[in-house]
N, C-alpha and C. Protein backbone atom coordinates (compact mmCIF):
# COMPACT_ATOMS: atom_id res chain seq x y z
N MET A 1 0.78 -1.25 0.01
CA MET A 1 0.17 0.17 -0.05
C MET A 1 0.81 1.19 -0.03
N LYS A 2 0.59 2.24 -0.67
CA LYS A 2 1.27 3.36 -1.20
C LYS A 2 1.06 4.27 0.27
N THR A 3 2.07 5.06 0.50
CA THR A 3 1.83 6.12 1.45
C THR A 3 2.29 7.39 1.24
N GLY A 4 2.08 8.29 1.84
CA GLY A 4 2.66 9.60 1.44
C GLY A 4 1.64 10.75 1.18
N SER A 5 2.09 11.89 0.74
CA SER A 5 1.12 13.18 0.71
C SER A 5 -0.23 12.76 -0.24
N HIS A 6 0.05 11.89 -1.32
CA HIS A 6 -1.01 11.72 -2.22
C HIS A 6 -1.99 10.80 -1.71
N PHE A 7 -1.79 10.20 -0.40
CA PHE A 7 -2.67 9.02 0.37
C PHE A 7 -2.67 9.59 1.88
N PRO A 8 -3.61 10.35 1.99
CA PRO A 8 -3.74 10.77 3.52
C PRO A 8 -3.89 9.65 4.41
N ALA A 9 -3.74 9.49 5.47
CA ALA A 9 -4.08 8.42 6.66
C ALA A 9 -5.67 8.48 6.73
N ALA A 10 -6.19 7.59 6.64
CA ALA A 10 -7.61 7.36 6.76
C ALA A 10 -8.20 8.13 8.23
N PRO A 11 -7.36 7.80 9.42
CA PRO A 11 -8.16 8.61 10.63
C PRO A 11 -8.01 10.06 10.27
N ASP A 12 -6.83 10.66 9.62
CA ASP A 12 -6.94 12.09 9.48
C ASP A 12 -7.96 12.51 8.51
N ARG A 13 -8.23 11.76 7.59
CA ARG A 13 -9.19 12.14 6.44
C ARG A 13 -10.80 12.04 7.19
N ALA A 14 -10.79 11.31 7.94
CA ALA A 14 -12.17 10.96 8.63
C ALA A 14 -12.45 12.20 9.55
N ILE A 15 -11.35 12.79 10.30
CA ILE A 15 -11.41 13.58 11.26
C ILE A 15 -11.78 14.97 10.39
N ARG A 16 -11.24 15.12 9.18
CA ARG A 16 -11.22 16.34 8.62
C ARG A 16 -12.74 16.47 8.13
N ILE A 17 -13.25 15.30 7.47
CA ILE A 17 -14.67 15.41 6.98
C ILE A 17 -15.51 15.50 8.14
N GLY A 18 -15.22 15.02 9.45
CA GLY A 18 -16.08 15.21 10.37
C GLY A 18 -16.14 16.90 10.89
N GLN A 19 -14.94 17.22 10.75
CA GLN A 19 -14.84 18.77 10.98
C GLN A 19 -15.45 19.64 10.08
N ALA A 20 -15.44 19.20 8.86
CA ALA A 20 -16.41 20.12 7.89
C ALA A 20 -17.82 19.76 7.75
N ALA A 21 -18.27 18.69 8.39
CA ALA A 21 -19.75 18.37 8.81
C ALA A 21 -20.25 18.90 10.08
N ARG A 22 -19.10 19.20 11.04
CA ARG A 22 -19.48 20.07 12.24
C ARG A 22 -19.70 21.75 11.79
N PHE A 23 -18.98 21.96 10.98
CA PHE A 23 -19.03 23.42 10.61
C PHE A 23 -20.34 23.69 9.52
N ALA A 24 -20.31 22.85 8.47
CA ALA A 24 -21.54 22.89 7.99
C ALA A 24 -22.87 22.82 8.83
N LEU A 25 -23.01 21.91 9.76
CA LEU A 25 -24.10 21.97 10.77
C LEU A 25 -24.27 23.12 11.27
N ALA A 26 -23.22 23.54 11.71
CA ALA A 26 -23.27 24.87 12.81
C ALA A 26 -23.91 26.21 11.70
N GLY A 27 -23.25 25.82 10.59
CA GLY A 27 -23.75 27.34 9.72
C GLY A 27 -25.31 27.07 9.46
N ILE A 28 -25.66 25.93 8.99
CA ILE A 28 -27.12 25.55 8.73
C ILE A 28 -28.04 25.79 10.15
N ARG A 29 -27.31 25.45 11.19
CA ARG A 29 -28.44 25.97 12.46
C ARG A 29 -28.45 27.45 12.77
N VAL A 30 -27.24 28.14 12.34
CA VAL A 30 -27.11 29.68 12.87
C VAL A 30 -28.20 30.37 11.68
N ILE A 31 -28.10 30.01 10.62
CA ILE A 31 -28.82 30.52 9.64
C ILE A 31 -30.57 30.15 9.60
N ASN A 32 -30.58 28.85 9.59
CA ASN A 32 -32.22 28.53 9.90
C ASN A 32 -32.73 29.06 11.40
N GLY A 33 -31.90 29.02 12.40
CA GLY A 33 -32.32 29.37 13.69
C GLY A 33 -32.41 30.99 13.47
N GLY A 34 -31.55 31.73 12.88
CA GLY A 34 -31.64 33.25 12.54
C GLY A 34 -33.05 33.38 12.05
N ILE A 35 -33.45 32.75 10.84
CA ILE A 35 -34.58 32.91 10.02
C ILE A 35 -35.78 32.61 11.05
N ALA A 36 -35.79 31.55 11.73
CA ALA A 36 -37.03 31.30 12.76
C ALA A 36 -37.07 32.65 13.73
N LEU A 37 -36.03 33.09 14.09
CA LEU A 37 -35.87 33.96 15.16
C LEU A 37 -36.38 35.47 14.52
N ILE A 38 -35.78 35.65 13.59
CA ILE A 38 -36.18 37.07 13.22
C ILE A 38 -37.30 37.27 12.14
N ALA A 39 -37.36 36.14 11.36
CA ALA A 39 -38.51 36.24 10.28
C ALA A 39 -39.41 34.82 10.15
N PRO A 40 -40.01 34.39 11.31
CA PRO A 40 -40.87 33.48 11.41
C PRO A 40 -42.06 33.12 10.28
N GLY A 41 -42.30 34.07 9.87
CA GLY A 41 -43.18 34.09 8.68
C GLY A 41 -42.77 33.20 7.59
N VAL A 42 -41.44 33.44 7.11
CA VAL A 42 -40.75 32.68 6.14
C VAL A 42 -41.11 31.36 6.11
N ILE A 43 -40.58 30.83 7.47
CA ILE A 43 -40.83 29.43 7.51
C ILE A 43 -42.63 28.82 7.62
N ILE A 44 -43.39 29.46 8.25
CA ILE A 44 -44.60 29.32 8.31
C ILE A 44 -45.22 29.11 6.92
N ARG A 45 -44.69 30.17 5.93
CA ARG A 45 -45.33 29.91 4.73
C ARG A 45 -45.09 28.82 3.85
N ARG A 46 -43.76 28.31 4.39
CA ARG A 46 -43.36 26.96 3.61
C ARG A 46 -44.21 25.94 3.94
N PHE A 47 -45.05 25.94 5.09
CA PHE A 47 -45.94 25.19 5.38
C PHE A 47 -47.51 25.43 4.57
N GLY A 48 -47.49 26.34 4.02
CA GLY A 48 -48.55 26.84 3.28
C GLY A 48 -49.69 27.51 4.38
N GLU A 49 -49.27 27.99 5.29
CA GLU A 49 -49.82 28.74 6.23
C GLU A 49 -49.79 30.22 6.18
N GLU A 50 -50.67 31.01 6.88
CA GLU A 50 -50.39 32.35 6.97
C GLU A 50 -50.18 32.77 8.27
N PRO A 51 -48.82 33.35 8.45
CA PRO A 51 -48.07 33.79 9.63
C PRO A 51 -49.19 34.63 10.74
N ALA A 52 -49.70 35.47 10.16
CA ALA A 52 -50.76 36.40 10.76
C ALA A 52 -51.77 35.62 11.66
N ALA A 53 -52.16 34.35 10.92
CA ALA A 53 -53.15 33.67 11.40
C ALA A 53 -52.62 32.74 12.67
N ASP A 54 -51.29 32.47 12.97
CA ASP A 54 -50.74 31.60 13.56
C ASP A 54 -49.86 32.20 14.79
N ASN A 55 -50.23 32.80 15.77
CA ASN A 55 -49.36 33.47 16.56
C ASN A 55 -48.65 32.21 17.52
N ALA A 56 -49.10 31.17 17.65
CA ALA A 56 -48.46 30.21 18.36
C ALA A 56 -47.25 29.55 17.53
N ALA A 57 -47.35 29.57 16.28
CA ALA A 57 -46.52 29.11 15.46
C ALA A 57 -45.11 30.25 15.40
N VAL A 58 -45.53 31.45 15.42
CA VAL A 58 -44.48 32.72 15.54
C VAL A 58 -43.85 32.21 16.82
N TYR A 59 -44.47 32.39 17.96
CA TYR A 59 -44.03 31.89 19.23
C TYR A 59 -42.95 30.75 19.12
N GLY A 60 -43.57 29.59 18.60
CA GLY A 60 -42.72 28.25 18.69
C GLY A 60 -41.59 28.55 17.71
N LEU A 61 -41.52 29.04 16.81
CA LEU A 61 -40.30 29.45 15.81
C LEU A 61 -39.34 30.29 16.47
N ARG A 62 -40.05 31.16 17.12
CA ARG A 62 -38.96 32.10 17.88
C ARG A 62 -38.36 31.42 18.99
N MET A 63 -38.75 30.66 19.55
CA MET A 63 -38.32 30.06 20.77
C MET A 63 -37.34 28.91 20.25
N PHE A 64 -37.53 28.38 19.43
CA PHE A 64 -36.87 26.96 18.91
C PHE A 64 -35.67 28.03 17.73
N GLY A 65 -35.96 29.07 17.24
CA GLY A 65 -34.70 29.76 16.77
C GLY A 65 -33.71 30.23 17.68
N VAL A 66 -33.87 30.54 18.68
CA VAL A 66 -32.82 30.87 19.86
C VAL A 66 -32.18 29.85 20.39
N ARG A 67 -32.80 28.48 20.26
CA ARG A 67 -32.19 27.53 20.81
C ARG A 67 -31.22 26.88 19.68
N THR A 68 -31.80 26.95 18.29
CA THR A 68 -31.16 26.41 17.09
C THR A 68 -29.85 27.40 17.01
N VAL A 69 -29.79 28.85 17.02
CA VAL A 69 -28.79 29.63 17.04
C VAL A 69 -27.85 29.31 18.15
N VAL A 70 -28.02 29.05 19.23
CA VAL A 70 -27.11 28.79 20.53
C VAL A 70 -26.49 27.45 20.11
N LEU A 71 -27.30 26.68 19.92
CA LEU A 71 -26.55 25.15 19.62
C LEU A 71 -25.78 25.31 18.19
N GLY A 72 -26.06 25.86 17.31
CA GLY A 72 -24.96 26.17 16.41
C GLY A 72 -23.69 26.87 16.59
N ILE A 73 -23.81 27.84 17.44
CA ILE A 73 -22.64 28.65 17.90
C ILE A 73 -21.90 27.57 18.77
N ASP A 74 -22.32 26.54 19.59
CA ASP A 74 -21.75 25.55 20.41
C ASP A 74 -20.87 24.77 19.60
N LEU A 75 -21.42 24.42 18.43
CA LEU A 75 -20.46 23.54 17.79
C LEU A 75 -19.26 24.31 17.15
N VAL A 76 -19.28 25.57 17.17
CA VAL A 76 -18.04 26.18 16.74
C VAL A 76 -17.05 26.39 17.82
N ALA A 77 -17.79 26.78 18.93
CA ALA A 77 -17.06 27.30 20.22
C ALA A 77 -16.61 26.23 21.03
N LEU A 78 -17.37 25.14 21.12
CA LEU A 78 -16.81 23.98 22.11
C LEU A 78 -15.69 23.26 21.60
N ASN A 79 -15.21 22.36 22.39
CA ASN A 79 -14.06 21.48 22.13
C ASN A 79 -14.18 20.37 23.21
N GLY A 80 -13.38 19.39 22.95
CA GLY A 80 -13.02 18.14 23.78
C GLY A 80 -14.48 17.32 24.19
N ASP A 81 -14.50 16.98 25.51
CA ASP A 81 -15.87 16.21 25.89
C ASP A 81 -17.06 17.22 25.64
N SER A 82 -17.05 18.51 25.91
CA SER A 82 -18.18 19.40 25.89
C SER A 82 -18.82 19.34 24.37
N LEU A 83 -17.74 19.20 23.22
CA LEU A 83 -17.88 19.34 21.92
C LEU A 83 -18.77 17.94 21.49
N ARG A 84 -18.04 16.80 22.28
CA ARG A 84 -18.54 15.42 21.72
C ARG A 84 -19.99 15.27 22.43
N ARG A 85 -20.51 15.92 23.49
CA ARG A 85 -21.70 15.84 24.17
C ARG A 85 -22.72 16.58 23.10
N ALA A 86 -22.23 17.75 22.87
CA ALA A 86 -23.14 18.62 22.03
C ALA A 86 -23.32 18.04 20.82
N LEU A 87 -22.41 17.27 20.02
CA LEU A 87 -22.71 16.59 18.95
C LEU A 87 -23.48 15.19 18.98
N GLY A 88 -23.14 14.55 20.17
CA GLY A 88 -24.16 13.26 20.42
C GLY A 88 -25.58 13.85 20.65
N GLN A 89 -26.05 14.95 21.13
CA GLN A 89 -27.16 15.49 21.72
C GLN A 89 -27.65 15.89 20.08
N ALA A 90 -26.59 16.50 19.20
CA ALA A 90 -27.17 16.96 17.78
C ALA A 90 -27.86 15.78 16.85
N VAL A 91 -27.11 14.59 17.01
CA VAL A 91 -27.76 13.54 16.59
C VAL A 91 -29.11 13.16 16.76
N ILE A 92 -29.43 13.21 18.35
CA ILE A 92 -30.60 12.72 18.81
C ILE A 92 -31.73 13.98 18.23
N ILE A 93 -31.28 15.32 18.45
CA ILE A 93 -32.17 16.39 17.88
C ILE A 93 -32.38 16.33 16.48
N HIS A 94 -31.54 15.92 15.70
CA HIS A 94 -31.73 15.94 14.01
C HIS A 94 -32.27 14.55 13.75
N GLY A 95 -32.16 13.68 14.71
CA GLY A 95 -32.82 12.41 14.41
C GLY A 95 -34.40 12.34 14.75
N THR A 96 -34.50 13.15 15.62
CA THR A 96 -36.26 13.37 16.17
C THR A 96 -36.73 14.14 15.16
N ASP A 97 -35.82 15.30 14.59
CA ASP A 97 -36.70 16.18 13.50
C ASP A 97 -36.87 15.28 12.44
N THR A 98 -36.16 14.45 11.91
CA THR A 98 -36.50 13.54 10.90
C THR A 98 -37.60 12.87 11.04
N ALA A 99 -37.59 12.33 12.01
CA ALA A 99 -38.90 11.23 12.31
C ALA A 99 -39.83 12.05 12.40
N THR A 100 -39.89 13.21 12.87
CA THR A 100 -41.16 13.90 13.10
C THR A 100 -41.77 14.62 11.65
N ALA A 101 -40.71 14.98 10.93
CA ALA A 101 -41.11 15.41 9.49
C ALA A 101 -41.74 14.18 8.87
N ALA A 102 -40.93 13.43 8.85
CA ALA A 102 -41.81 11.89 8.12
C ALA A 102 -42.97 11.56 8.59
N LEU A 103 -42.96 11.49 9.68
CA LEU A 103 -44.61 11.28 10.27
C LEU A 103 -45.57 12.25 9.97
N LEU A 104 -45.31 13.29 10.31
CA LEU A 104 -46.31 14.43 9.63
C LEU A 104 -46.69 14.13 7.96
N GLY A 105 -45.98 13.72 7.24
CA GLY A 105 -46.15 13.72 5.75
C GLY A 105 -46.94 12.35 6.01
N PHE A 106 -46.18 11.13 6.37
CA PHE A 106 -47.17 9.91 6.26
C PHE A 106 -48.54 10.02 6.96
N SER A 107 -48.93 10.66 8.13
CA SER A 107 -50.02 10.99 8.38
C SER A 107 -50.97 11.98 7.63
N GLY A 108 -50.53 12.66 6.82
CA GLY A 108 -51.16 13.67 5.99
C GLY A 108 -51.41 14.94 6.81
N ARG A 109 -50.75 15.13 8.04
CA ARG A 109 -50.90 16.44 8.47
C ARG A 109 -50.09 17.33 7.95
N VAL A 110 -49.02 17.16 6.83
CA VAL A 110 -48.39 18.06 6.04
C VAL A 110 -48.56 17.39 4.64
N LYS A 111 -48.58 18.25 3.82
CA LYS A 111 -48.62 17.95 2.33
C LYS A 111 -47.34 17.18 1.94
N PRO A 112 -47.35 16.14 1.21
CA PRO A 112 -46.08 15.44 0.57
C PRO A 112 -45.12 16.72 0.07
N ARG A 113 -45.70 17.80 -0.62
CA ARG A 113 -44.57 18.76 -1.16
C ARG A 113 -43.88 19.31 -0.05
N THR A 114 -44.60 19.51 1.02
CA THR A 114 -43.73 19.89 2.15
C THR A 114 -42.98 19.17 2.87
N ALA A 115 -43.69 17.92 3.48
CA ALA A 115 -42.99 17.03 4.13
C ALA A 115 -41.79 16.27 3.48
N ILE A 116 -41.78 15.86 2.13
CA ILE A 116 -40.55 15.49 1.88
C ILE A 116 -39.24 16.45 1.93
N PRO A 117 -39.17 17.59 1.37
CA PRO A 117 -38.13 18.50 1.41
C PRO A 117 -37.73 18.54 2.92
N LEU A 118 -38.74 18.70 3.70
CA LEU A 118 -38.41 18.78 5.28
C LEU A 118 -37.95 17.89 5.70
N THR A 119 -38.45 16.54 5.41
CA THR A 119 -37.82 15.19 5.81
C THR A 119 -36.19 15.05 5.36
N LEU A 120 -35.91 15.41 3.95
CA LEU A 120 -34.70 15.33 3.45
C LEU A 120 -33.50 16.27 4.06
N ILE A 121 -34.26 17.59 4.43
CA ILE A 121 -33.36 18.57 5.11
C ILE A 121 -32.94 18.11 6.40
N SER A 122 -33.75 17.46 7.37
CA SER A 122 -33.70 17.03 8.56
C SER A 122 -32.77 15.89 8.30
N LEU A 123 -32.54 14.95 7.24
CA LEU A 123 -32.12 13.76 7.34
C LEU A 123 -30.67 14.19 6.89
N THR A 124 -30.54 15.24 6.25
CA THR A 124 -29.03 16.02 5.97
C THR A 124 -28.68 16.27 7.26
N ASN A 125 -29.12 17.21 8.02
CA ASN A 125 -28.71 17.68 9.23
C ASN A 125 -28.33 16.22 10.06
N THR A 126 -29.11 15.15 10.20
CA THR A 126 -28.79 14.04 11.01
C THR A 126 -27.60 13.55 10.43
N ALA A 127 -27.19 13.21 9.19
CA ALA A 127 -26.18 12.85 8.63
C ALA A 127 -24.94 13.72 8.93
N LEU A 128 -24.97 14.85 8.82
CA LEU A 128 -23.92 15.79 9.37
C LEU A 128 -23.71 15.71 10.99
N ALA A 129 -24.56 15.55 11.64
CA ALA A 129 -24.44 15.49 12.98
C ALA A 129 -23.66 14.16 13.15
N SER A 130 -24.25 13.20 12.70
CA SER A 130 -23.74 11.53 12.72
C SER A 130 -22.11 11.71 12.57
N THR A 131 -21.98 12.08 11.22
CA THR A 131 -20.64 12.19 10.75
C THR A 131 -19.45 13.15 11.69
N ALA A 132 -20.11 14.14 12.35
CA ALA A 132 -19.39 15.14 13.21
C ALA A 132 -18.99 14.22 14.28
N TYR A 133 -19.88 13.74 14.93
CA TYR A 133 -20.00 13.07 16.26
C TYR A 133 -18.95 11.84 16.14
N PHE A 134 -19.05 10.98 15.02
CA PHE A 134 -18.31 9.61 15.16
C PHE A 134 -16.84 10.32 14.64
N ALA A 135 -16.56 11.36 14.02
CA ALA A 135 -15.20 11.80 14.00
C ALA A 135 -14.57 12.27 15.16
N ALA A 136 -15.65 12.98 15.99
CA ALA A 136 -14.98 13.44 17.18
C ALA A 136 -14.67 12.41 17.96
N CYS A 137 -15.36 11.56 18.18
CA CYS A 137 -15.16 10.36 19.00
C CYS A 137 -13.76 9.69 18.42
N ARG A 138 -13.49 9.66 17.46
CA ARG A 138 -12.39 8.92 16.63
C ARG A 138 -11.17 9.92 17.18
N ASP A 139 -11.45 11.05 16.78
CA ASP A 139 -10.32 12.22 17.23
C ASP A 139 -9.89 11.96 18.77
N GLU A 140 -10.93 11.46 19.63
CA GLU A 140 -10.41 11.60 20.79
C GLU A 140 -9.58 10.42 21.20
N LYS A 141 -9.51 9.39 20.47
CA LYS A 141 -8.32 8.24 20.76
C LYS A 141 -7.15 8.54 20.59
């Protein structure tokens, strides 16, 4: 097997991929959380609803927007055990989001044209969180 600069060691490559996944997820969280916090109507309209008619949705999106921004910042600011814990929680959070979006679609509570992209977005976030988590655990060794 060839070694050298053309063939980086697998662990180093896995850690770099995990770090890229972590920063991508952080960016997604900060952007989406910021939109939910500052302009919840944008998200409400994606569900085919009217923001003025749903004050509870505005409140909920702003509440989760703050959470999402803080969690995104954590992925950039934390390291070591704190980062691994935040990434492990990210897998749970995004996995739950994925299951919720899929169940809303399957149950008919959300139209397929909305449920499918939401599920795929959440699944992407889950994949990023998982990749980052496993790389952080590997980096610990």
